[in-house]
PDB file of N, CA and C in Angstrom:
ATOM      1  N   MET A   1      -0.639  -4.640  22.082  1.00  0.00           N
ATOM      2  CA  MET A   1      -0.067  -5.947  21.853  1.00  0.00           C
ATOM      3  C   MET A   1       0.919  -6.268  22.967  1.00  0.00           C
ATOM      4  N   LEU A   2       0.797  -7.466  23.492  1.00  0.00           N
ATOM      5  CA  LEU A   2       1.739  -7.957  24.480  1.00  0.00           C
ATOM      6  C   LEU A   2       2.863  -8.678  23.748  1.00  0.00           C
ATOM      7  N   LEU A   3       4.046  -8.655  24.338  1.00  0.00           N
ATOM      8  CA  LEU A   3       5.207  -9.257  23.690  1.00  0.00           C
ATOM      9  C   LEU A   3       6.080  -9.922  24.752  1.00  0.00           C
ATOM     10  N   ASP A   4       6.124 -11.241  24.735  1.00  0.00           N
ATOM     11  CA  ASP A   4       6.950 -12.015  25.656  1.00  0.00           C
ATOM     12  C   ASP A   4       8.203 -12.445  24.901  1.00  0.00           C
ATOM     13  N   MET A   5       9.362 -12.335  25.538  1.00  0.00           N
ATOM     14  CA  MET A   5      10.609 -12.745  24.892  1.00  0.00           C
ATOM     15  C   MET A   5      11.441 -13.580  25.846  1.00  0.00           C
ATOM     16  N   GLU A   6      12.148 -14.551  25.270  1.00  0.00           N
ATOM     17  CA  GLU A   6      12.968 -15.454  26.062  1.00  0.00           C
ATOM     18  C   GLU A   6      14.162 -15.891  25.224  1.00  0.00           C
ATOM     19  N   LEU A   7      15.326 -15.922  25.840  1.00  0.00           N
ATOM     20  CA  LEU A   7      16.531 -16.372  25.159  1.00  0.00           C
ATOM     21  C   LEU A   7      16.732 -17.850  25.438  1.00  0.00           C
ATOM     22  N   LYS A   8      16.835 -18.637  24.371  1.00  0.00           N
ATOM     23  CA  LYS A   8      17.087 -20.084  24.475  1.00  0.00           C
ATOM     24  C   LYS A   8      18.384 -20.354  23.721  1.00  0.00           C
ATOM     25  N   GLY A   9      19.492 -20.390  24.444  1.00  0.00           N
ATOM     26  CA  GLY A   9      20.798 -20.537  23.797  1.00  0.00           C
ATOM     27  C   GLY A   9      21.087 -19.292  22.978  1.00  0.00           C
ATOM     28  N   ASN A  10      21.284 -19.463  21.677  1.00  0.00           N
ATOM     29  CA  ASN A  10      21.528 -18.300  20.811  1.00  0.00           C
ATOM     30  C   ASN A  10      20.293 -17.956  19.967  1.00  0.00           C
ATOM     31  N   ILE A  11      19.111 -18.400  20.447  1.00  0.00           N
ATOM     32  CA  ILE A  11      17.844 -18.140  19.755  1.00  0.00           C
ATOM     33  C   ILE A  11      16.978 -17.252  20.635  1.00  0.00           C
ATOM     34  N   LEU A  12      16.578 -16.105  20.093  1.00  0.00           N
ATOM     35  CA  LEU A  12      15.620 -15.257  20.798  1.00  0.00           C
ATOM     36  C   LEU A  12      14.230 -15.701  20.369  1.00  0.00           C
ATOM     37  N   VAL A  13      13.430 -16.120  21.347  1.00  0.00           N
ATOM     38  CA  VAL A  13      12.050 -16.525  21.083  1.00  0.00           C
ATOM     39  C   VAL A  13      11.154 -15.343  21.418  1.00  0.00           C
ATOM     40  N   VAL A  14      10.381 -14.904  20.439  1.00  0.00           N
ATOM     41  CA  VAL A  14       9.476 -13.770  20.602  1.00  0.00           C
ATOM     42  C   VAL A  14       8.055 -14.304  20.479  1.00  0.00           C
ATOM     43  N   ARG A  15       7.218 -13.975  21.479  1.00  0.00           N
ATOM     44  CA  ARG A  15       5.833 -14.450  21.492  1.00  0.00           C
ATOM     45  C   ARG A  15       4.875 -13.260  21.554  1.00  0.00           C
ATOM     46  N   PRO A  16       4.522 -12.726  20.385  1.00  0.00           N
ATOM     47  CA  PRO A  16       3.550 -11.635  20.378  1.00  0.00           C
ATOM     48  C   PRO A  16       2.155 -12.170  20.693  1.00  0.00           C
ATOM     49  N   GLU A  17       1.323 -11.297  21.229  1.00  0.00           N
ATOM     50  CA  GLU A  17      -0.046 -11.684  21.557  1.00  0.00           C
ATOM     51  C   GLU A  17      -0.997 -10.572  21.120  1.00  0.00           C
ATOM     52  N   GLY A  18      -2.053 -10.952  20.429  1.00  0.00           N
ATOM     53  CA  GLY A  18      -3.031  -9.981  19.963  1.00  0.00           C
ATOM     54  C   GLY A  18      -2.917  -9.780  18.467  1.00  0.00           C
ATOM     55  N   GLU A  19      -2.969  -8.535  18.053  1.00  0.00           N
ATOM     56  CA  GLU A  19      -2.914  -8.207  16.630  1.00  0.00           C
ATOM     57  C   GLU A  19      -1.550  -7.627  16.279  1.00  0.00           C
ATOM     58  N   LEU A  20      -0.970  -8.136  15.218  1.00  0.00           N
ATOM     59  CA  LEU A  20       0.309  -7.618  14.714  1.00  0.00           C
ATOM     60  C   LEU A  20      -0.045  -6.800  13.479  1.00  0.00           C
ATOM     61  N   ASP A  21      -0.409  -5.546  13.739  1.00  0.00           N
ATOM     62  CA  ASP A  21      -0.926  -4.668  12.690  1.00  0.00           C
ATOM     63  C   ASP A  21      -0.225  -3.315  12.745  1.00  0.00           C
ATOM     64  N   LEU A  22      -0.758  -2.354  12.031  1.00  0.00           N
ATOM     65  CA  LEU A  22      -0.164  -1.015  11.958  1.00  0.00           C
ATOM     66  C   LEU A  22       0.092  -0.438  13.344  1.00  0.00           C
ATOM     67  N   THR A  23      -0.838  -0.622  14.245  1.00  0.00           N
ATOM     68  CA  THR A  23      -0.710  -0.072  15.592  1.00  0.00           C
ATOM     69  C   THR A  23       0.425  -0.722  16.372  1.00  0.00           C
ATOM     70  N   ALA A  24       0.630  -2.016  16.186  1.00  0.00           N
ATOM     71  CA  ALA A  24       1.597  -2.769  16.985  1.00  0.00           C
ATOM     72  C   ALA A  24       2.961  -2.943  16.316  1.00  0.00           C
ATOM     73  N   ALA A  25       3.042  -2.754  15.013  1.00  0.00           N
ATOM     74  CA  ALA A  25       4.266  -3.092  14.269  1.00  0.00           C
ATOM     75  C   ALA A  25       5.492  -2.321  14.759  1.00  0.00           C
ATOM     76  N   GLU A  26       5.371  -1.053  15.025  1.00  0.00           N
ATOM     77  CA  GLU A  26       6.521  -0.258  15.451  1.00  0.00           C
ATOM     78  C   GLU A  26       7.031  -0.721  16.815  1.00  0.00           C
ATOM     79  N   THR A  27       6.126  -1.014  17.735  1.00  0.00           N
ATOM     80  CA  THR A  27       6.515  -1.524  19.049  1.00  0.00           C
ATOM     81  C   THR A  27       7.221  -2.870  18.900  1.00  0.00           C
ATOM     82  N   PHE A  28       6.668  -3.744  18.068  1.00  0.00           N
ATOM     83  CA  PHE A  28       7.269  -5.043  17.799  1.00  0.00           C
ATOM     84  C   PHE A  28       8.691  -4.852  17.277  1.00  0.00           C
ATOM     85  N   ARG A  29       8.848  -3.989  16.278  1.00  0.00           N
ATOM     86  CA  ARG A  29      10.162  -3.712  15.684  1.00  0.00           C
ATOM     87  C   ARG A  29      11.173  -3.272  16.739  1.00  0.00           C
ATOM     88  N   LYS A  30      10.806  -2.256  17.490  1.00  0.00           N
ATOM     89  CA  LYS A  30      11.725  -1.681  18.480  1.00  0.00           C
ATOM     90  C   LYS A  30      12.122  -2.688  19.547  1.00  0.00           C
ATOM     91  N   LYS A  31      11.130  -3.371  20.108  1.00  0.00           N
ATOM     92  CA  LYS A  31      11.417  -4.288  21.206  1.00  0.00           C
ATOM     93  C   LYS A  31      12.239  -5.492  20.749  1.00  0.00           C
ATOM     94  N   VAL A  32      11.947  -6.021  19.572  1.00  0.00           N
ATOM     95  CA  VAL A  32      12.719  -7.161  19.080  1.00  0.00           C
ATOM     96  C   VAL A  32      14.146  -6.726  18.753  1.00  0.00           C
ATOM     97  N   ASP A  33      14.299  -5.580  18.117  1.00  0.00           N
ATOM     98  CA  ASP A  33      15.643  -5.083  17.813  1.00  0.00           C
ATOM     99  C   ASP A  33      16.461  -4.872  19.087  1.00  0.00           C
ATOM    100  N   GLU A  34      15.846  -4.270  20.099  1.00  0.00           N
ATOM    101  CA  GLU A  34      16.543  -4.038  21.372  1.00  0.00           C
ATOM    102  C   GLU A  34      16.929  -5.359  22.027  1.00  0.00           C
ATOM    103  N   ALA A  35      16.021  -6.321  22.027  1.00  0.00           N
ATOM    104  CA  ALA A  35      16.297  -7.615  22.653  1.00  0.00           C
ATOM    105  C   ALA A  35      17.373  -8.386  21.892  1.00  0.00           C
ATOM    106  N   MET A  36      17.351  -8.320  20.580  1.00  0.00           N
ATOM    107  CA  MET A  36      18.396  -8.994  19.791  1.00  0.00           C
ATOM    108  C   MET A  36      19.760  -8.392  20.108  1.00  0.00           C
ATOM    109  N   ALA A  37      19.832  -7.083  20.172  1.00  0.00           N
ATOM    110  CA  ALA A  37      21.103  -6.414  20.456  1.00  0.00           C
ATOM    111  C   ALA A  37      21.580  -6.719  21.876  1.00  0.00           C
ATOM    112  N   ALA A  38      20.682  -6.635  22.839  1.00  0.00           N
ATOM    113  CA  ALA A  38      21.057  -6.844  24.241  1.00  0.00           C
ATOM    114  C   ALA A  38      21.433  -8.294  24.537  1.00  0.00           C
ATOM    115  N   SER A  39      20.762  -9.226  23.892  1.00  0.00           N
ATOM    116  CA  SER A  39      20.979 -10.643  24.190  1.00  0.00           C
ATOM    117  C   SER A  39      22.152 -11.239  23.412  1.00  0.00           C
ATOM    118  N   GLY A  40      22.487 -10.633  22.289  1.00  0.00           N
ATOM    119  CA  GLY A  40      23.514 -11.205  21.433  1.00  0.00           C
ATOM    120  C   GLY A  40      23.044 -12.431  20.678  1.00  0.00           C
ATOM    121  N   ALA A  41      21.729 -12.658  20.641  1.00  0.00           N
ATOM    122  CA  ALA A  41      21.167 -13.821  19.943  1.00  0.00           C
ATOM    123  C   ALA A  41      21.512 -13.761  18.460  1.00  0.00           C
ATOM    124  N   LEU A  42      21.754 -14.911  17.878  1.00  0.00           N
ATOM    125  CA  LEU A  42      22.042 -15.003  16.449  1.00  0.00           C
ATOM    126  C   LEU A  42      20.779 -15.292  15.648  1.00  0.00           C
ATOM    127  N   HIS A  43      19.888 -16.115  16.214  1.00  0.00           N
ATOM    128  CA  HIS A  43      18.688 -16.557  15.506  1.00  0.00           C
ATOM    129  C   HIS A  43      17.436 -15.991  16.169  1.00  0.00           C
ATOM    130  N   LEU A  44      16.350 -15.970  15.409  1.00  0.00           N
ATOM    131  CA  LEU A  44      15.084 -15.431  15.886  1.00  0.00           C
ATOM    132  C   LEU A  44      13.962 -16.407  15.563  1.00  0.00           C
ATOM    133  N   LEU A  45      13.173 -16.746  16.585  1.00  0.00           N
ATOM    134  CA  LEU A  45      11.979 -17.558  16.410  1.00  0.00           C
ATOM    135  C   LEU A  45      10.782 -16.724  16.846  1.00  0.00           C
ATOM    136  N   ILE A  46       9.847 -16.514  15.942  1.00  0.00           N
ATOM    137  CA  ILE A  46       8.634 -15.757  16.256  1.00  0.00           C
ATOM    138  C   ILE A  46       7.504 -16.768  16.407  1.00  0.00           C
ATOM    139  N   ALA A  47       7.041 -16.934  17.644  1.00  0.00           N
ATOM    140  CA  ALA A  47       5.975 -17.888  17.963  1.00  0.00           C
ATOM    141  C   ALA A  47       4.640 -17.148  17.890  1.00  0.00           C
ATOM    142  N   LEU A  48       3.826 -17.539  16.932  1.00  0.00           N
ATOM    143  CA  LEU A  48       2.604 -16.794  16.598  1.00  0.00           C
ATOM    144  C   LEU A  48       1.324 -17.407  17.171  1.00  0.00           C
ATOM    145  N   GLU A  49       1.433 -18.311  18.142  1.00  0.00           N
ATOM    146  CA  GLU A  49       0.261 -18.991  18.682  1.00  0.00           C
ATOM    147  C   GLU A  49      -0.833 -18.033  19.150  1.00  0.00           C
ATOM    148  N   LYS A  50      -0.426 -16.900  19.726  1.00  0.00           N
ATOM    149  CA  LYS A  50      -1.399 -15.972  20.309  1.00  0.00           C
ATOM    150  C   LYS A  50      -1.667 -14.750  19.438  1.00  0.00           C
ATOM    151  N   VAL A  51      -1.210 -14.800  18.177  1.00  0.00           N
ATOM    152  CA  VAL A  51      -1.498 -13.702  17.249  1.00  0.00           C
ATOM    153  C   VAL A  51      -2.831 -14.000  16.558  1.00  0.00           C
ATOM    154  N   GLU A  52      -3.773 -13.089  16.720  1.00  0.00           N
ATOM    155  CA  GLU A  52      -5.114 -13.278  16.176  1.00  0.00           C
ATOM    156  C   GLU A  52      -5.255 -12.726  14.760  1.00  0.00           C
ATOM    157  N   PHE A  53      -4.404 -11.747  14.427  1.00  0.00           N
ATOM    158  CA  PHE A  53      -4.531 -11.050  13.151  1.00  0.00           C
ATOM    159  C   PHE A  53      -3.181 -10.466  12.778  1.00  0.00           C
ATOM    160  N   ILE A  54      -2.871 -10.490  11.487  1.00  0.00           N
ATOM    161  CA  ILE A  54      -1.647  -9.857  10.999  1.00  0.00           C
ATOM    162  C   ILE A  54      -1.967  -9.153   9.689  1.00  0.00           C
ATOM    163  N   ASP A  55      -1.434  -7.945   9.517  1.00  0.00           N
ATOM    164  CA  ASP A  55      -1.638  -7.214   8.264  1.00  0.00           C
ATOM    165  C   ASP A  55      -0.284  -6.909   7.632  1.00  0.00           C
ATOM    166  N   SER A  56      -0.300  -6.089   6.599  1.00  0.00           N
ATOM    167  CA  SER A  56       0.941  -5.803   5.867  1.00  0.00           C
ATOM    168  C   SER A  56       1.990  -5.126   6.743  1.00  0.00           C
ATOM    169  N   SER A  57       1.575  -4.343   7.710  1.00  0.00           N
ATOM    170  CA  SER A  57       2.538  -3.710   8.621  1.00  0.00           C
ATOM    171  C   SER A  57       3.225  -4.754   9.487  1.00  0.00           C
ATOM    172  N   GLY A  58       2.470  -5.732   9.953  1.00  0.00           N
ATOM    173  CA  GLY A  58       3.042  -6.826  10.724  1.00  0.00           C
ATOM    174  C   GLY A  58       3.984  -7.670   9.889  1.00  0.00           C
ATOM    175  N   LEU A  59       3.584  -7.933   8.648  1.00  0.00           N
ATOM    176  CA  LEU A  59       4.455  -8.673   7.731  1.00  0.00           C
ATOM    177  C   LEU A  59       5.751  -7.902   7.504  1.00  0.00           C
ATOM    178  N   GLY A  60       5.625  -6.595   7.330  1.00  0.00           N
ATOM    179  CA  GLY A  60       6.803  -5.753   7.130  1.00  0.00           C
ATOM    180  C   GLY A  60       7.735  -5.778   8.327  1.00  0.00           C
ATOM    181  N   ALA A  61       7.167  -5.797   9.534  1.00  0.00           N
ATOM    182  CA  ALA A  61       7.985  -5.856  10.746  1.00  0.00           C
ATOM    183  C   ALA A  61       8.752  -7.177  10.805  1.00  0.00           C
ATOM    184  N   ILE A  62       8.095  -8.265  10.444  1.00  0.00           N
ATOM    185  CA  ILE A  62       8.761  -9.573  10.431  1.00  0.00           C
ATOM    186  C   ILE A  62       9.850  -9.584   9.360  1.00  0.00           C
ATOM    187  N   LEU A  63       9.541  -9.089   8.179  1.00  0.00           N
ATOM    188  CA  LEU A  63      10.524  -9.078   7.090  1.00  0.00           C
ATOM    189  C   LEU A  63      11.735  -8.212   7.418  1.00  0.00           C
ATOM    190  N   GLY A  64      11.517  -7.105   8.099  1.00  0.00           N
ATOM    191  CA  GLY A  64      12.633  -6.247   8.508  1.00  0.00           C
ATOM    192  C   GLY A  64      13.573  -6.967   9.463  1.00  0.00           C
ATOM    193  N   ARG A  65      12.993  -7.723  10.417  1.00  0.00           N
ATOM    194  CA  ARG A  65      13.821  -8.500  11.347  1.00  0.00           C
ATOM    195  C   ARG A  65      14.538  -9.612  10.589  1.00  0.00           C
ATOM    196  N   TYR A  66      13.869 -10.214   9.609  1.00  0.00           N
ATOM    197  CA  TYR A  66      14.489 -11.252   8.778  1.00  0.00           C
ATOM    198  C   TYR A  66      15.743 -10.703   8.103  1.00  0.00           C
ATOM    199  N   LYS A  67      15.641  -9.527   7.523  1.00  0.00           N
ATOM    200  CA  LYS A  67      16.771  -8.915   6.828  1.00  0.00           C
ATOM    201  C   LYS A  67      17.935  -8.685   7.784  1.00  0.00           C
ATOM    202  N   GLN A  68      17.641  -8.134   8.954  1.00  0.00           N
ATOM    203  CA  GLN A  68      18.705  -7.865   9.926  1.00  0.00           C
ATOM    204  C   GLN A  68      19.385  -9.147  10.405  1.00  0.00           C
ATOM    205  N   VAL A  69      18.581 -10.154  10.720  1.00  0.00           N
ATOM    206  CA  VAL A  69      19.129 -11.406  11.253  1.00  0.00           C
ATOM    207  C   VAL A  69      19.934 -12.138  10.185  1.00  0.00           C
ATOM    208  N   THR A  70      19.412 -12.225   8.980  1.00  0.00           N
ATOM    209  CA  THR A  70      20.138 -12.951   7.926  1.00  0.00           C
ATOM    210  C   THR A  70      21.388 -12.198   7.478  1.00  0.00           C
ATOM    211  N   ASP A  71      21.392 -10.881   7.593  1.00  0.00           N
ATOM    212  CA  ASP A  71      22.609 -10.117   7.291  1.00  0.00           C
ATOM    213  C   ASP A  71      23.747 -10.497   8.245  1.00  0.00           C
ATOM    214  N   ARG A  72      23.386 -10.964   9.448  1.00  0.00           N
ATOM    215  CA  ARG A  72      24.382 -11.404  10.438  1.00  0.00           C
ATOM    216  C   ARG A  72      24.572 -12.926  10.394  1.00  0.00           C
ATOM    217  N   LYS A  73      24.092 -13.542   9.310  1.00  0.00           N
ATOM    218  CA  LYS A  73      24.211 -15.000   9.096  1.00  0.00           C
ATOM    219  C   LYS A  73      23.359 -15.820  10.062  1.00  0.00           C
ATOM    220  N   GLY A  74      22.318 -15.196  10.618  1.00  0.00           N
ATOM    221  CA  GLY A  74      21.389 -15.898  11.483  1.00  0.00           C
ATOM    222  C   GLY A  74      20.198 -16.417  10.690  1.00  0.00           C
ATOM    223  N   ARG A  75      19.287 -17.032  11.397  1.00  0.00           N
ATOM    224  CA  ARG A  75      18.118 -17.637  10.782  1.00  0.00           C
ATOM    225  C   ARG A  75      16.865 -17.180  11.504  1.00  0.00           C
ATOM    226  N   VAL A  76      15.777 -16.992  10.765  1.00  0.00           N
ATOM    227  CA  VAL A  76      14.484 -16.621  11.334  1.00  0.00           C
ATOM    228  C   VAL A  76      13.494 -17.717  11.002  1.00  0.00           C
ATOM    229  N   ALA A  77      12.675 -18.084  11.985  1.00  0.00           N
ATOM    230  CA  ALA A  77      11.623 -19.069  11.766  1.00  0.00           C
ATOM    231  C   ALA A  77      10.345 -18.577  12.434  1.00  0.00           C
ATOM    232  N   LEU A  78       9.229 -19.088  11.946  1.00  0.00           N
ATOM    233  CA  LEU A  78       7.911 -18.773  12.484  1.00  0.00           C
ATOM    234  C   LEU A  78       7.298 -20.067  12.992  1.00  0.00           C
ATOM    235  N   ALA A  79       6.488 -19.976  14.047  1.00  0.00           N
ATOM    236  CA  ALA A  79       5.874 -21.186  14.587  1.00  0.00           C
ATOM    237  C   ALA A  79       4.468 -20.901  15.109  1.00  0.00           C
ATOM    238  N   GLY A  80       3.630 -21.933  15.011  1.00  0.00           N
ATOM    239  CA  GLY A  80       2.344 -21.925  15.685  1.00  0.00           C
ATOM    240  C   GLY A  80       1.272 -20.995  15.154  1.00  0.00           C
ATOM    241  N   ALA A  81       1.354 -20.597  13.912  1.00  0.00           N
ATOM    242  CA  ALA A  81       0.355 -19.673  13.366  1.00  0.00           C
ATOM    243  C   ALA A  81      -1.003 -20.363  13.234  1.00  0.00           C
ATOM    244  N   SER A  82      -2.048 -19.648  13.566  1.00  0.00           N
ATOM    245  CA  SER A  82      -3.409 -20.148  13.367  1.00  0.00           C
ATOM    246  C   SER A  82      -3.653 -20.285  11.864  1.00  0.00           C
ATOM    247  N   PRO A  83      -4.678 -21.025  11.456  1.00  0.00           N
ATOM    248  CA  PRO A  83      -4.946 -21.151  10.017  1.00  0.00           C
ATOM    249  C   PRO A  83      -5.119 -19.800   9.305  1.00  0.00           C
ATOM    250  N   ALA A  84      -5.783 -18.851   9.940  1.00  0.00           N
ATOM    251  CA  ALA A  84      -6.001 -17.545   9.303  1.00  0.00           C
ATOM    252  C   ALA A  84      -4.687 -16.777   9.153  1.00  0.00           C
ATOM    253  N   VAL A  85      -3.871 -16.773  10.197  1.00  0.00           N
ATOM    254  CA  VAL A  85      -2.578 -16.075  10.145  1.00  0.00           C
ATOM    255  C   VAL A  85      -1.646 -16.803   9.175  1.00  0.00           C
ATOM    256  N   ARG A  86      -1.663 -18.113   9.222  1.00  0.00           N
ATOM    257  CA  ARG A  86      -0.826 -18.912   8.311  1.00  0.00           C
ATOM    258  C   ARG A  86      -1.166 -18.590   6.856  1.00  0.00           C
ATOM    259  N   ARG A  87      -2.429 -18.429   6.557  1.00  0.00           N
ATOM    260  CA  ARG A  87      -2.853 -18.105   5.186  1.00  0.00           C
ATOM    261  C   ARG A  87      -2.260 -16.770   4.735  1.00  0.00           C
ATOM    262  N   VAL A  88      -2.286 -15.772   5.600  1.00  0.00           N
ATOM    263  CA  VAL A  88      -1.707 -14.466   5.263  1.00  0.00           C
ATOM    264  C   VAL A  88      -0.206 -14.613   5.026  1.00  0.00           C
ATOM    265  N   LEU A  89       0.477 -15.359   5.897  1.00  0.00           N
ATOM    266  CA  LEU A  89       1.920 -15.580   5.743  1.00  0.00           C
ATOM    267  C   LEU A  89       2.219 -16.263   4.409  1.00  0.00           C
ATOM    268  N   GLU A  90       1.413 -17.265   4.073  1.00  0.00           N
ATOM    269  CA  GLU A  90       1.614 -17.986   2.817  1.00  0.00           C
ATOM    270  C   GLU A  90       1.336 -17.106   1.607  1.00  0.00           C
ATOM    271  N   LEU A  91       0.269 -16.319   1.653  1.00  0.00           N
ATOM    272  CA  LEU A  91      -0.045 -15.419   0.539  1.00  0.00           C
ATOM    273  C   LEU A  91       1.068 -14.391   0.328  1.00  0.00           C
ATOM    274  N   ALA A  92       1.701 -13.985   1.428  1.00  0.00           N
ATOM    275  CA  ALA A  92       2.795 -13.011   1.339  1.00  0.00           C
ATOM    276  C   ALA A  92       4.115 -13.667   0.930  1.00  0.00           C
ATOM    277  N   GLY A  93       4.156 -14.993   0.912  1.00  0.00           N
ATOM    278  CA  GLY A  93       5.361 -15.691   0.479  1.00  0.00           C
ATOM    279  C   GLY A  93       6.418 -15.898   1.554  1.00  0.00           C
ATOM    280  N   LEU A  94       6.102 -15.647   2.806  1.00  0.00           N
ATOM    281  CA  LEU A  94       7.113 -15.804   3.855  1.00  0.00           C
ATOM    282  C   LEU A  94       7.655 -17.223   3.982  1.00  0.00           C
ATOM    283  N   PRO A  95       6.843 -18.276   3.814  1.00  0.00           N
ATOM    284  CA  PRO A  95       7.413 -19.628   3.924  1.00  0.00           C
ATOM    285  C   PRO A  95       8.462 -19.956   2.859  1.00  0.00           C
ATOM    286  N   ARG A  96       8.578 -19.144   1.834  1.00  0.00           N
ATOM    287  CA  ARG A  96       9.643 -19.363   0.842  1.00  0.00           C
ATOM    288  C   ARG A  96      11.002 -18.926   1.354  1.00  0.00           C
ATOM    289  N   ILE A  97      11.026 -18.026   2.335  1.00  0.00           N
ATOM    290  CA  ILE A  97      12.306 -17.512   2.823  1.00  0.00           C
ATOM    291  C   ILE A  97      12.602 -17.883   4.273  1.00  0.00           C
ATOM    292  N   MET A  98      11.576 -18.272   5.018  1.00  0.00           N
ATOM    293  CA  MET A  98      11.780 -18.700   6.405  1.00  0.00           C
ATOM    294  C   MET A  98      10.853 -19.865   6.704  1.00  0.00           C
ATOM    295  N   LYS A  99      11.343 -20.800   7.500  1.00  0.00           N
ATOM    296  CA  LYS A  99      10.569 -22.006   7.779  1.00  0.00           C
ATOM    297  C   LYS A  99       9.403 -21.691   8.706  1.00  0.00           C
ATOM    298  N   LEU A 100       8.280 -22.328   8.425  1.00  0.00           N
ATOM    299  CA  LEU A 100       7.067 -22.163   9.213  1.00  0.00           C
ATOM    300  C   LEU A 100       6.771 -23.501   9.892  1.00  0.00           C
ATOM    301  N   TYR A 101       6.892 -23.531  11.219  1.00  0.00           N
ATOM    302  CA  TYR A 101       6.689 -24.745  12.001  1.00  0.00           C
ATOM    303  C   TYR A 101       5.282 -24.773  12.603  1.00  0.00           C
ATOM    304  N   ARG A 102       4.808 -25.971  12.880  1.00  0.00           N
ATOM    305  CA  ARG A 102       3.488 -26.112  13.513  1.00  0.00           C
ATOM    306  C   ARG A 102       3.501 -25.630  14.952  1.00  0.00           C
ATOM    307  N   GLU A 103       4.601 -25.898  15.669  1.00  0.00           N
ATOM    308  CA  GLU A 103       4.658 -25.484  17.075  1.00  0.00           C
ATOM    309  C   GLU A 103       6.061 -25.041  17.478  1.00  0.00           C
ATOM    310  N   GLU A 104       6.102 -24.253  18.528  1.00  0.00           N
ATOM    311  CA  GLU A 104       7.359 -23.666  19.008  1.00  0.00           C
ATOM    312  C   GLU A 104       8.387 -24.722  19.398  1.00  0.00           C
ATOM    313  N   LYS A 105       7.977 -25.773  20.117  1.00  0.00           N
ATOM    314  CA  LYS A 105       8.922 -26.803  20.561  1.00  0.00           C
ATOM    315  C   LYS A 105       9.632 -27.463  19.390  1.00  0.00           C
ATOM    316  N   GLU A 106       8.898 -27.750  18.340  1.00  0.00           N
ATOM    317  CA  GLU A 106       9.479 -28.360  17.140  1.00  0.00           C
ATOM    318  C   GLU A 106      10.509 -27.417  16.514  1.00  0.00           C
ATOM    319  N   ALA A 107      10.152 -26.143  16.424  1.00  0.00           N
ATOM    320  CA  ALA A 107      11.061 -25.151  15.841  1.00  0.00           C
ATOM    321  C   ALA A 107      12.335 -25.029  16.661  1.00  0.00           C
ATOM    322  N   LEU A 108      12.206 -24.939  17.973  1.00  0.00           N
ATOM    323  CA  LEU A 108      13.382 -24.811  18.838  1.00  0.00           C
ATOM    324  C   LEU A 108      14.292 -26.025  18.719  1.00  0.00           C
ATOM    325  N   ARG A 109      13.701 -27.203  18.699  1.00  0.00           N
ATOM    326  CA  ARG A 109      14.481 -28.430  18.597  1.00  0.00           C
ATOM    327  C   ARG A 109      15.291 -28.433  17.300  1.00  0.00           C
ATOM    328  N   GLU A 110      14.642 -28.114  16.181  1.00  0.00           N
ATOM    329  CA  GLU A 110      15.320 -28.136  14.888  1.00  0.00           C
ATOM    330  C   GLU A 110      16.358 -27.010  14.758  1.00  0.00           C
ATOM    331  N   MET A 111      15.993 -25.820  15.224  1.00  0.00           N
ATOM    332  CA  MET A 111      16.926 -24.698  15.131  1.00  0.00           C
ATOM    333  C   MET A 111      18.167 -24.941  15.986  1.00  0.00           C
ATOM    334  N   ALA A 112      17.975 -25.483  17.192  1.00  0.00           N
ATOM    335  CA  ALA A 112      19.110 -25.766  18.068  1.00  0.00           C
ATOM    336  C   ALA A 112      20.008 -26.837  17.465  1.00  0.00           C
ATOM    337  N   ALA A 113      19.413 -27.850  16.842  1.00  0.00           N
ATOM    338  CA  ALA A 113      20.193 -28.920  16.220  1.00  0.00           C
ATOM    339  C   ALA A 113      21.017 -28.396  15.040  1.00  0.00           C
ATOM    340  N   GLU A 114      20.439 -27.486  14.253  1.00  0.00           N
ATOM    341  CA  GLU A 114      21.156 -26.907  13.117  1.00  0.00           C
ATOM    342  C   GLU A 114      22.270 -25.974  13.558  1.00  0.00           C
ATOM    343  N   ALA A 115      22.094 -25.345  14.718  1.00  0.00           N
ATOM    344  CA  ALA A 115      23.084 -24.377  15.197  1.00  0.00           C
ATOM    345  C   ALA A 115      24.322 -25.068  15.780  1.00  0.00           C
ATOM    346  N   SER A 116      24.176 -26.336  16.144  1.00  0.00           N
ATOM    347  CA  SER A 116      25.333 -27.008  16.766  1.00  0.00           C
ATOM    348  C   SER A 116      26.140 -27.817  15.776  1.00  0.00           C
TER     349      SER A 116
END
């Protein structure tokens, strides 16, 4: 799994690519945790445009980051999920605890506006 990250103000944007599954979840966890600590970002946006598949391990990795970020009074959002990935997220109940946006630009605009 490839993982692109970019800091936009106090929002860390994470763009995983490929499958977010058992094989990739630990790498995702470690790299996002390291980037959050190094950047000092308060909020996390996970842009899922290039994620082809997600399983329970991937969901667990996202939920773990959610717990860490919200414990620090930050916010986590998801953006750009394909219909198949979106269905898994919805079945797991993630949209009840974190906002799911259609695209990354929309999420960044709203998150930045709420942060100011």
